[in-house]
Amino acid sequence: MSIQLDGILRQDEFGVWRVSGTRVTLDSLVYSFWEGCSAETIAD
């Protein structure tokens, strides 16, 4: 079963949250932010 959150995030069949339309995981984005990366750096 797959869950989608307002078209921005989706939960795949394994329970992993990903950015919709990509293979990028939500936890990788959060980790990068905690490490001090800017939004622009993360987007690259």
N, C-alpha and C. Protein backbone atom coordinates (compact mmCIF):
# COMPACT_ATOMS: atom_id res chain seq x y z
N MET A 1 0.84 -1.18 0.00
CA MET A 1 0.00 0.00 0.00
C MET A 1 0.89 1.24 0.00
N SER A 2 0.51 2.22 -0.76
CA SER A 2 1.26 3.46 -0.89
C SER A 2 0.40 4.62 -0.39
N ILE A 3 1.00 5.50 0.38
CA ILE A 3 0.31 6.68 0.91
C ILE A 3 0.96 7.91 0.31
N GLN A 4 0.14 8.92 -0.05
CA GLN A 4 0.69 10.16 -0.59
C GLN A 4 0.24 11.32 0.27
N LEU A 5 1.14 12.29 0.48
CA LEU A 5 0.86 13.44 1.32
C LEU A 5 0.90 14.70 0.49
N ASP A 6 -0.27 15.20 0.11
CA ASP A 6 -0.41 16.45 -0.63
C ASP A 6 0.47 16.54 -1.87
N GLY A 7 0.80 15.43 -2.49
CA GLY A 7 1.58 15.45 -3.71
C GLY A 7 3.05 15.77 -3.52
N ILE A 8 3.48 16.03 -2.29
CA ILE A 8 4.88 16.38 -2.02
C ILE A 8 5.65 15.15 -1.57
N LEU A 9 5.06 14.41 -0.65
CA LEU A 9 5.70 13.21 -0.11
C LEU A 9 4.83 12.00 -0.39
N ARG A 10 5.48 10.85 -0.47
CA ARG A 10 4.72 9.61 -0.60
C ARG A 10 5.42 8.54 0.22
N GLN A 11 4.64 7.60 0.69
CA GLN A 11 5.20 6.47 1.42
C GLN A 11 5.15 5.27 0.49
N ASP A 12 6.31 4.66 0.24
CA ASP A 12 6.33 3.53 -0.69
C ASP A 12 5.87 2.25 -0.01
N GLU A 13 5.90 1.16 -0.76
CA GLU A 13 5.40 -0.12 -0.27
C GLU A 13 6.23 -0.68 0.89
N PHE A 14 7.42 -0.13 1.12
CA PHE A 14 8.27 -0.59 2.21
C PHE A 14 8.18 0.33 3.44
N GLY A 15 7.34 1.36 3.35
CA GLY A 15 7.16 2.28 4.46
C GLY A 15 8.14 3.44 4.47
N VAL A 16 8.91 3.59 3.40
CA VAL A 16 9.90 4.66 3.32
C VAL A 16 9.24 5.90 2.73
N TRP A 17 9.45 7.06 3.38
CA TRP A 17 8.91 8.32 2.87
C TRP A 17 9.87 8.90 1.84
N ARG A 18 9.35 9.26 0.69
CA ARG A 18 10.14 9.78 -0.42
C ARG A 18 9.50 11.05 -0.97
N VAL A 19 10.32 11.87 -1.60
CA VAL A 19 9.81 13.04 -2.31
C VAL A 19 9.10 12.51 -3.55
N SER A 20 7.87 12.92 -3.76
CA SER A 20 7.09 12.41 -4.89
C SER A 20 7.81 12.62 -6.21
N GLY A 21 7.78 11.59 -7.04
CA GLY A 21 8.38 11.66 -8.36
C GLY A 21 9.89 11.47 -8.37
N THR A 22 10.48 11.15 -7.20
CA THR A 22 11.92 10.93 -7.12
C THR A 22 12.20 9.69 -6.29
N ARG A 23 13.48 9.33 -6.20
CA ARG A 23 13.90 8.25 -5.31
C ARG A 23 14.52 8.80 -4.03
N VAL A 24 14.45 10.14 -3.84
CA VAL A 24 15.05 10.80 -2.68
C VAL A 24 14.20 10.52 -1.44
N THR A 25 14.88 10.08 -0.37
CA THR A 25 14.17 9.79 0.87
C THR A 25 14.09 11.03 1.74
N LEU A 26 13.02 11.09 2.52
CA LEU A 26 12.82 12.22 3.42
C LEU A 26 13.93 12.28 4.46
N ASP A 27 14.36 11.14 4.97
CA ASP A 27 15.40 11.16 6.00
C ASP A 27 16.73 11.69 5.45
N SER A 28 17.02 11.46 4.16
CA SER A 28 18.26 12.01 3.60
C SER A 28 18.20 13.54 3.51
N LEU A 29 17.02 14.07 3.24
CA LEU A 29 16.86 15.53 3.21
C LEU A 29 17.02 16.12 4.60
N VAL A 30 16.40 15.50 5.59
CA VAL A 30 16.49 15.99 6.97
C VAL A 30 17.93 15.92 7.45
N TYR A 31 18.63 14.82 7.18
CA TYR A 31 20.01 14.66 7.61
C TYR A 31 20.89 15.75 6.99
N SER A 32 20.70 16.02 5.70
CA SER A 32 21.48 17.07 5.04
C SER A 32 21.23 18.43 5.68
N PHE A 33 19.98 18.70 6.01
CA PHE A 33 19.63 19.96 6.66
C PHE A 33 20.30 20.07 8.02
N TRP A 34 20.25 18.98 8.80
CA TRP A 34 20.89 18.97 10.12
C TRP A 34 22.40 19.15 10.01
N GLU A 35 22.98 18.71 8.91
CA GLU A 35 24.42 18.86 8.69
C GLU A 35 24.80 20.28 8.26
N GLY A 36 23.78 21.13 8.05
CA GLY A 36 24.04 22.53 7.73
C GLY A 36 23.91 22.90 6.28
N CYS A 37 23.46 21.99 5.45
CA CYS A 37 23.28 22.29 4.03
C CYS A 37 22.10 23.24 3.83
N SER A 38 22.28 24.15 2.89
CA SER A 38 21.18 25.05 2.54
C SER A 38 20.20 24.32 1.62
N ALA A 39 19.02 24.89 1.47
CA ALA A 39 18.03 24.30 0.57
C ALA A 39 18.58 24.20 -0.85
N GLU A 40 19.33 25.22 -1.26
CA GLU A 40 19.90 25.23 -2.62
C GLU A 40 20.91 24.10 -2.80
N THR A 41 21.73 23.87 -1.78
CA THR A 41 22.72 22.80 -1.85
C THR A 41 22.05 21.44 -1.89
N ILE A 42 21.02 21.27 -1.09
CA ILE A 42 20.30 20.00 -1.07
C ILE A 42 19.63 19.75 -2.41
N ALA A 43 19.09 20.78 -3.03
CA ALA A 43 18.41 20.64 -4.32
C ALA A 43 19.36 20.24 -5.43
N ASP A 44 20.64 20.61 -5.30
CA ASP A 44 21.63 20.23 -6.31
C ASP A 44 21.93 18.78 -6.15
